[in-house]
Each structure stands twice: as structure tokens, then as C-alpha cells.
Amino acid sequence: MTPHVVIGVDAGSATLRDADHLIQRLAAELALSEGVFGCTHLIRTGQPRVALSLALPDETAAARTREHLDREYPGTSTDAARAAAAGHRARTAGRAVLFPGAQAMAAATPTVAELLAHSAIDAVSVLGSPGPPDGALRLVTRGHIRPEWRSGRLVLAAVPAAGGALAPFEVPNPTPCCGDHGQ
């Protein structure tokens, strides 16, 4: 089942981590199915923040989600929310937190071929490499996979890892930069 109703949410999340947690909280609160896509979108106009987009299976699920958002997170429908939904709908923008196969693949160490066969991810690109990786290479997920929509395809950026494996470019708990320098 391909989700076809996309809604945007601007809850004022300050960081990707906050937005990831909000997407996961909404998925739990609304009992969203495994087939739902939930993405984050960096907003650089006005107050910098992270908006969300959710691709839902039908208008009934979208209406239930909108009702929940209006009740629990008032004021979430903004220009940033509309931009997030538009980018997701066009599949040209968005960092996927929820997507079919996300939980199973993040909990494993799949090969590239397994990742592509058992998730919504369409491609893996290795930074600095001109072509796609060998399908037999293992992907050390560290429990964290965040592909991005690029030109209509969900693409996971990866980097070489120890032992001839690959790892997602985005790490689960990045070290904050510039926070406590010299203090």
C-alpha cells in the first residue's frame, strides 16, 4: 500500500533529534502503520527549526491525524508545514524517520541488497564513490537509518566502515559542535 495523503506539521522542533522524537511519538499516539512515511525538513526561513511531513494511507487517517495535531499540538499548520508537505509529496525533500522496513532494517546488519529488497529505500550512495555499492556489502546500522528523498527516490547516504562494511552517513548520537569550546 502506497501512502498518498501527505500532511505537514510545524511544531517548532529546534533540532533533528527533537523532530525524530516527535515523529516517533506521533506514530505511537496515533498507532500509525508500518507503511507510513514520516520525514523531517530543515526550515531556514524565519526562525530556523525542523518541520515534519507524514504520508498517510488515506484521507481517513489524515483527518484523524489532523484532529489529533489540532488538539495536542495547536498552531502546527504554517507555511513551513505546507512547504514540508509539498517537498515530501514531490519526493524531492525530506529525511525519512519512518518508512516501510525501517524498524527491521535498523535492528539488523543487512546487506545492501537486503536493505533494498526489504525496505522502501530505493538506493544506497557511498560518499566519494562514483557508483552504487556491491549488494553483498554489510550495512552496520547502529540502529539508525535516515534516508532522504532525492529526485523521487529514497536514498541512503553511506560511508565506508571497519571490516569492509558500510555505515549510514548520519550517526545516531552526533557530538554537538561549538557548544562548550573553551569552557
C-alpha atoms as a PDB file:
ATOM      1  CA  MET A   1       0.000   0.000   0.000  1.00  0.00           C
ATOM      2  CA  THR A   2       1.458   3.339  -1.055  1.00  0.00           C
ATOM      3  CA  PRO A   3       0.569   6.271   1.227  1.00  0.00           C
ATOM      4  CA  HIS A   4      -0.948   9.077  -0.773  1.00  0.00           C
ATOM      5  CA  VAL A   5      -2.147  11.807   1.607  1.00  0.00           C
ATOM      6  CA  VAL A   6       0.741  13.985   2.814  1.00  0.00           C
ATOM      7  CA  ILE A   7       0.347  16.484   5.634  1.00  0.00           C
ATOM      8  CA  GLY A   8       2.905  18.889   7.077  1.00  0.00           C
ATOM      9  CA  VAL A   9       3.492  19.667  10.745  1.00  0.00           C
ATOM     10  CA  ASP A  10       5.351  22.623  12.220  1.00  0.00           C
ATOM     11  CA  ALA A  11       5.592  22.008  15.954  1.00  0.00           C
ATOM     12  CA  GLY A  12       8.629  24.266  16.334  1.00  0.00           C
ATOM     13  CA  SER A  13      11.134  21.434  16.812  1.00  0.00           C
ATOM     14  CA  ALA A  14      14.566  23.011  17.293  1.00  0.00           C
ATOM     15  CA  THR A  15      16.703  20.008  16.321  1.00  0.00           C
ATOM     16  CA  LEU A  16      16.573  16.886  14.177  1.00  0.00           C
ATOM     17  CA  ARG A  17      16.602  14.823  17.357  1.00  0.00           C
ATOM     18  CA  ASP A  18      13.542  16.695  18.704  1.00  0.00           C
ATOM     19  CA  ALA A  19      11.770  16.205  15.365  1.00  0.00           C
ATOM     20  CA  ASP A  20      12.688  12.485  15.250  1.00  0.00           C
ATOM     21  CA  HIS A  21      11.232  12.019  18.735  1.00  0.00           C
ATOM     22  CA  LEU A  22       8.068  13.901  17.768  1.00  0.00           C
ATOM     23  CA  ILE A  23       7.560  11.717  14.672  1.00  0.00           C
ATOM     24  CA  GLN A  24       8.020   8.586  16.771  1.00  0.00           C
ATOM     25  CA  ARG A  25       5.688   9.937  19.489  1.00  0.00           C
ATOM     26  CA  LEU A  26       3.017  10.743  16.875  1.00  0.00           C
ATOM     27  CA  ALA A  27       3.394   7.261  15.362  1.00  0.00           C
ATOM     28  CA  ALA A  28       2.794   5.735  18.811  1.00  0.00           C
ATOM     29  CA  GLU A  29      -0.032   8.115  19.812  1.00  0.00           C
ATOM     30  CA  LEU A  30      -1.866   7.548  16.531  1.00  0.00           C
ATOM     31  CA  ALA A  31      -0.952   3.855  16.159  1.00  0.00           C
ATOM     32  CA  LEU A  32       0.354   4.574  12.654  1.00  0.00           C
ATOM     33  CA  SER A  33       1.037   1.544  10.495  1.00  0.00           C
ATOM     34  CA  GLU A  34       4.460   0.384   9.331  1.00  0.00           C
ATOM     35  CA  GLY A  35       3.604   1.658   5.838  1.00  0.00           C
ATOM     36  CA  VAL A  36       3.540   5.320   6.877  1.00  0.00           C
ATOM     37  CA  PHE A  37       6.342   7.668   5.882  1.00  0.00           C
ATOM     38  CA  GLY A  38       7.427  10.345   8.372  1.00  0.00           C
ATOM     39  CA  CYS A  39      10.077  12.868   7.362  1.00  0.00           C
ATOM     40  CA  THR A  40      11.913  15.850   8.795  1.00  0.00           C
ATOM     41  CA  HIS A  41      12.557  19.072   6.874  1.00  0.00           C
ATOM     42  CA  LEU A  42      15.039  21.786   7.837  1.00  0.00           C
ATOM     43  CA  ILE A  43      13.372  25.206   7.754  1.00  0.00           C
ATOM     44  CA  ARG A  44      15.827  28.008   7.166  1.00  0.00           C
ATOM     45  CA  THR A  45      13.426  30.937   6.773  1.00  0.00           C
ATOM     46  CA  GLY A  46      12.266  32.922   9.775  1.00  0.00           C
ATOM     47  CA  GLN A  47      13.133  31.107  12.987  1.00  0.00           C
ATOM     48  CA  PRO A  48      15.288  28.067  11.986  1.00  0.00           C
ATOM     49  CA  ARG A  49      13.554  24.849  13.011  1.00  0.00           C
ATOM     50  CA  VAL A  50      12.601  21.395  11.788  1.00  0.00           C
ATOM     51  CA  ALA A  51       9.149  20.704  10.316  1.00  0.00           C
ATOM     52  CA  LEU A  52       7.646  17.259   9.691  1.00  0.00           C
ATOM     53  CA  SER A  53       5.704  15.577   6.939  1.00  0.00           C
ATOM     54  CA  LEU A  54       3.603  12.445   7.252  1.00  0.00           C
ATOM     55  CA  ALA A  55       2.430  10.410   4.244  1.00  0.00           C
ATOM     56  CA  LEU A  56      -0.693   8.537   5.296  1.00  0.00           C
ATOM     57  CA  PRO A  57      -2.601   5.738   3.551  1.00  0.00           C
ATOM     58  CA  ASP A  58      -5.907   7.599   3.068  1.00  0.00           C
ATOM     59  CA  GLU A  59      -7.955  10.677   3.881  1.00  0.00           C
ATOM     60  CA  THR A  60      -9.487   8.987   6.956  1.00  0.00           C
ATOM     61  CA  ALA A  61      -6.045   8.520   8.526  1.00  0.00           C
ATOM     62  CA  ALA A  62      -5.086  12.071   7.526  1.00  0.00           C
ATOM     63  CA  ALA A  63      -8.261  13.539   9.101  1.00  0.00           C
ATOM     64  CA  ARG A  64      -7.646  11.586  12.334  1.00  0.00           C
ATOM     65  CA  THR A  65      -4.041  12.802  12.373  1.00  0.00           C
ATOM     66  CA  ARG A  66      -5.032  16.430  11.728  1.00  0.00           C
ATOM     67  CA  GLU A  67      -7.625  16.251  14.538  1.00  0.00           C
ATOM     68  CA  HIS A  68      -5.003  14.881  16.922  1.00  0.00           C
ATOM     69  CA  LEU A  69      -2.487  17.557  15.905  1.00  0.00           C
ATOM     70  CA  ASP A  70      -5.031  20.361  16.343  1.00  0.00           C
ATOM     71  CA  ARG A  71      -5.848  19.066  19.838  1.00  0.00           C
ATOM     72  CA  GLU A  72      -2.341  18.151  21.069  1.00  0.00           C
ATOM     73  CA  TYR A  73      -0.107  20.492  19.059  1.00  0.00           C
ATOM     74  CA  PRO A  74      -2.133  23.613  18.153  1.00  0.00           C
ATOM     75  CA  GLY A  75      -0.706  26.022  15.601  1.00  0.00           C
ATOM     76  CA  THR A  76       1.178  23.376  13.614  1.00  0.00           C
ATOM     77  CA  SER A  77      -0.208  24.351  10.198  1.00  0.00           C
ATOM     78  CA  THR A  78       2.151  27.040   8.880  1.00  0.00           C
ATOM     79  CA  ASP A  79       3.950  27.955   5.669  1.00  0.00           C
ATOM     80  CA  ALA A  80       6.812  25.711   6.867  1.00  0.00           C
ATOM     81  CA  ALA A  81       4.375  22.809   7.300  1.00  0.00           C
ATOM     82  CA  ARG A  82       2.957  23.363   3.829  1.00  0.00           C
ATOM     83  CA  ALA A  83       6.483  23.511   2.346  1.00  0.00           C
ATOM     84  CA  ALA A  84       7.430  20.274   4.127  1.00  0.00           C
ATOM     85  CA  ALA A  85       4.327  18.532   2.780  1.00  0.00           C
ATOM     86  CA  ALA A  86       4.972  19.826  -0.752  1.00  0.00           C
ATOM     87  CA  GLY A  87       8.594  18.615  -0.748  1.00  0.00           C
ATOM     88  CA  HIS A  88       7.551  15.209   0.557  1.00  0.00           C
ATOM     89  CA  ARG A  89       4.639  14.921  -1.877  1.00  0.00           C
ATOM     90  CA  ALA A  90       7.027  15.660  -4.782  1.00  0.00           C
ATOM     91  CA  ARG A  91       9.601  13.293  -3.241  1.00  0.00           C
ATOM     92  CA  THR A  92      12.297  15.921  -3.604  1.00  0.00           C
ATOM     93  CA  ALA A  93      12.815  16.812   0.065  1.00  0.00           C
ATOM     94  CA  GLY A  94      12.654  15.108   3.424  1.00  0.00           C
ATOM     95  CA  ARG A  95      14.777  12.963   5.689  1.00  0.00           C
ATOM     96  CA  ALA A  96      12.821   9.764   6.409  1.00  0.00           C
ATOM     97  CA  VAL A  97      12.489   8.664  10.028  1.00  0.00           C
ATOM     98  CA  LEU A  98       9.502   6.363   9.444  1.00  0.00           C
ATOM     99  CA  PHE A  99       9.272   4.287   6.289  1.00  0.00           C
ATOM    100  CA  PRO A 100       8.362   0.706   5.396  1.00  0.00           C
ATOM    101  CA  GLY A 101      11.076  -1.622   6.673  1.00  0.00           C
ATOM    102  CA  ALA A 102      12.758   1.000   8.880  1.00  0.00           C
ATOM    103  CA  GLN A 103      12.471  -0.863  12.181  1.00  0.00           C
ATOM    104  CA  ALA A 104      13.523  -4.261  10.862  1.00  0.00           C
ATOM    105  CA  MET A 105      16.491  -2.925   8.921  1.00  0.00           C
ATOM    106  CA  ALA A 106      17.698  -0.651  11.752  1.00  0.00           C
ATOM    107  CA  ALA A 107      17.630  -3.612  14.136  1.00  0.00           C
ATOM    108  CA  ALA A 108      19.798  -5.715  11.816  1.00  0.00           C
ATOM    109  CA  THR A 109      23.072  -5.637   9.937  1.00  0.00           C
ATOM    110  CA  PRO A 110      21.649  -6.209   6.458  1.00  0.00           C
ATOM    111  CA  THR A 111      23.497  -6.431   3.200  1.00  0.00           C
ATOM    112  CA  VAL A 112      22.860  -3.583   0.767  1.00  0.00           C
ATOM    113  CA  ALA A 113      20.759  -5.991  -1.326  1.00  0.00           C
ATOM    114  CA  GLU A 114      18.657  -6.980   1.722  1.00  0.00           C
ATOM    115  CA  LEU A 115      18.135  -3.328   2.661  1.00  0.00           C
ATOM    116  CA  LEU A 116      16.889  -2.532  -0.843  1.00  0.00           C
ATOM    117  CA  ALA A 117      14.680  -5.634  -1.006  1.00  0.00           C
ATOM    118  CA  HIS A 118      13.087  -5.289   2.445  1.00  0.00           C
ATOM    119  CA  SER A 119      12.606  -1.555   2.887  1.00  0.00           C
ATOM    120  CA  ALA A 120      11.290   1.459   0.994  1.00  0.00           C
ATOM    121  CA  ILE A 121      14.872   2.599   0.317  1.00  0.00           C
ATOM    122  CA  ASP A 122      15.468   2.751  -3.428  1.00  0.00           C
ATOM    123  CA  ALA A 123      19.239   3.244  -3.480  1.00  0.00           C
ATOM    124  CA  VAL A 124      22.387   3.476  -1.381  1.00  0.00           C
ATOM    125  CA  SER A 125      25.048   6.011  -2.328  1.00  0.00           C
ATOM    126  CA  VAL A 126      28.538   5.843  -0.859  1.00  0.00           C
ATOM    127  CA  LEU A 127      30.162   9.218  -0.322  1.00  0.00           C
ATOM    128  CA  GLY A 128      33.160   9.610  -2.601  1.00  0.00           C
ATOM    129  CA  SER A 129      32.206   6.627  -4.754  1.00  0.00           C
ATOM    130  CA  PRO A 130      31.108   7.070  -8.372  1.00  0.00           C
ATOM    131  CA  GLY A 131      28.687   4.139  -8.489  1.00  0.00           C
ATOM    132  CA  PRO A 132      26.368   2.067  -6.346  1.00  0.00           C
ATOM    133  CA  PRO A 133      27.896  -0.258  -3.742  1.00  0.00           C
ATOM    134  CA  ASP A 134      28.155  -4.026  -4.098  1.00  0.00           C
ATOM    135  CA  GLY A 135      24.886  -5.595  -2.907  1.00  0.00           C
ATOM    136  CA  ALA A 136      26.814  -8.104  -0.750  1.00  0.00           C
ATOM    137  CA  LEU A 137      28.334  -5.392   1.471  1.00  0.00           C
ATOM    138  CA  ARG A 138      27.016  -5.327   5.038  1.00  0.00           C
ATOM    139  CA  LEU A 139      25.473  -2.146   6.438  1.00  0.00           C
ATOM    140  CA  VAL A 140      26.301  -1.526  10.106  1.00  0.00           C
ATOM    141  CA  THR A 141      23.187   0.491  11.009  1.00  0.00           C
ATOM    142  CA  ARG A 142      23.846   1.191  14.695  1.00  0.00           C
ATOM    143  CA  GLY A 143      20.045   1.158  14.958  1.00  0.00           C
ATOM    144  CA  HIS A 144      19.760   4.372  12.926  1.00  0.00           C
ATOM    145  CA  ILE A 145      18.830   4.722   9.244  1.00  0.00           C
ATOM    146  CA  ARG A 146      17.788   8.111   7.815  1.00  0.00           C
ATOM    147  CA  PRO A 147      17.484   8.082   4.003  1.00  0.00           C
ATOM    148  CA  GLU A 148      16.462  11.225   2.108  1.00  0.00           C
ATOM    149  CA  TRP A 149      14.146  11.892  -0.813  1.00  0.00           C
ATOM    150  CA  ARG A 150      16.215  12.801  -3.882  1.00  0.00           C
ATOM    151  CA  SER A 151      14.637  13.226  -7.309  1.00  0.00           C
ATOM    152  CA  GLY A 152      11.756  10.895  -6.478  1.00  0.00           C
ATOM    153  CA  ARG A 153      13.891   8.171  -4.875  1.00  0.00           C
ATOM    154  CA  LEU A 154      14.553   7.382  -1.212  1.00  0.00           C
ATOM    155  CA  VAL A 155      18.365   7.288  -0.983  1.00  0.00           C
ATOM    156  CA  LEU A 156      20.548   6.310   1.971  1.00  0.00           C
ATOM    157  CA  ALA A 157      23.925   8.039   2.112  1.00  0.00           C
ATOM    158  CA  ALA A 158      26.613   5.693   3.450  1.00  0.00           C
ATOM    159  CA  VAL A 159      30.316   5.751   4.247  1.00  0.00           C
ATOM    160  CA  PRO A 160      32.943   3.005   4.387  1.00  0.00           C
ATOM    161  CA  ALA A 161      33.170   1.333   7.803  1.00  0.00           C
ATOM    162  CA  ALA A 162      35.548  -1.079   9.504  1.00  0.00           C
ATOM    163  CA  GLY A 163      35.890  -4.581   8.111  1.00  0.00           C
ATOM    164  CA  GLY A 164      34.882  -3.665   4.570  1.00  0.00           C
ATOM    165  CA  ALA A 165      31.318  -2.806   5.613  1.00  0.00           C
ATOM    166  CA  LEU A 166      29.304   0.367   5.149  1.00  0.00           C
ATOM    167  CA  ALA A 167      27.540   2.553   7.709  1.00  0.00           C
ATOM    168  CA  PRO A 168      24.873   5.207   7.296  1.00  0.00           C
ATOM    169  CA  PHE A 169      26.469   8.634   6.947  1.00  0.00           C
ATOM    170  CA  GLU A 170      24.263  10.045   9.716  1.00  0.00           C
ATOM    171  CA  VAL A 171      25.280   8.756  13.135  1.00  0.00           C
ATOM    172  CA  PRO A 172      22.690   8.084  15.866  1.00  0.00           C
ATOM    173  CA  ASN A 173      24.084  10.440  18.516  1.00  0.00           C
ATOM    174  CA  PRO A 174      26.228  13.116  16.889  1.00  0.00           C
ATOM    175  CA  THR A 175      28.600  15.139  19.026  1.00  0.00           C
ATOM    176  CA  PRO A 176      27.265  18.694  19.284  1.00  0.00           C
ATOM    177  CA  CYS A 177      29.583  21.212  17.683  1.00  0.00           C
ATOM    178  CA  CYS A 178      30.645  24.513  19.151  1.00  0.00           C
ATOM    179  CA  GLY A 179      28.649  24.096  22.349  1.00  0.00           C
ATOM    180  CA  ASP A 180      31.333  24.149  25.015  1.00  0.00           C
ATOM    181  CA  HIS A 181      34.515  25.189  23.229  1.00  0.00           C
ATOM    182  CA  GLY A 182      36.930  26.797  25.643  1.00  0.00           C
ATOM    183  CA  GLN A 183      34.677  26.438  28.676  1.00  0.00           C
END
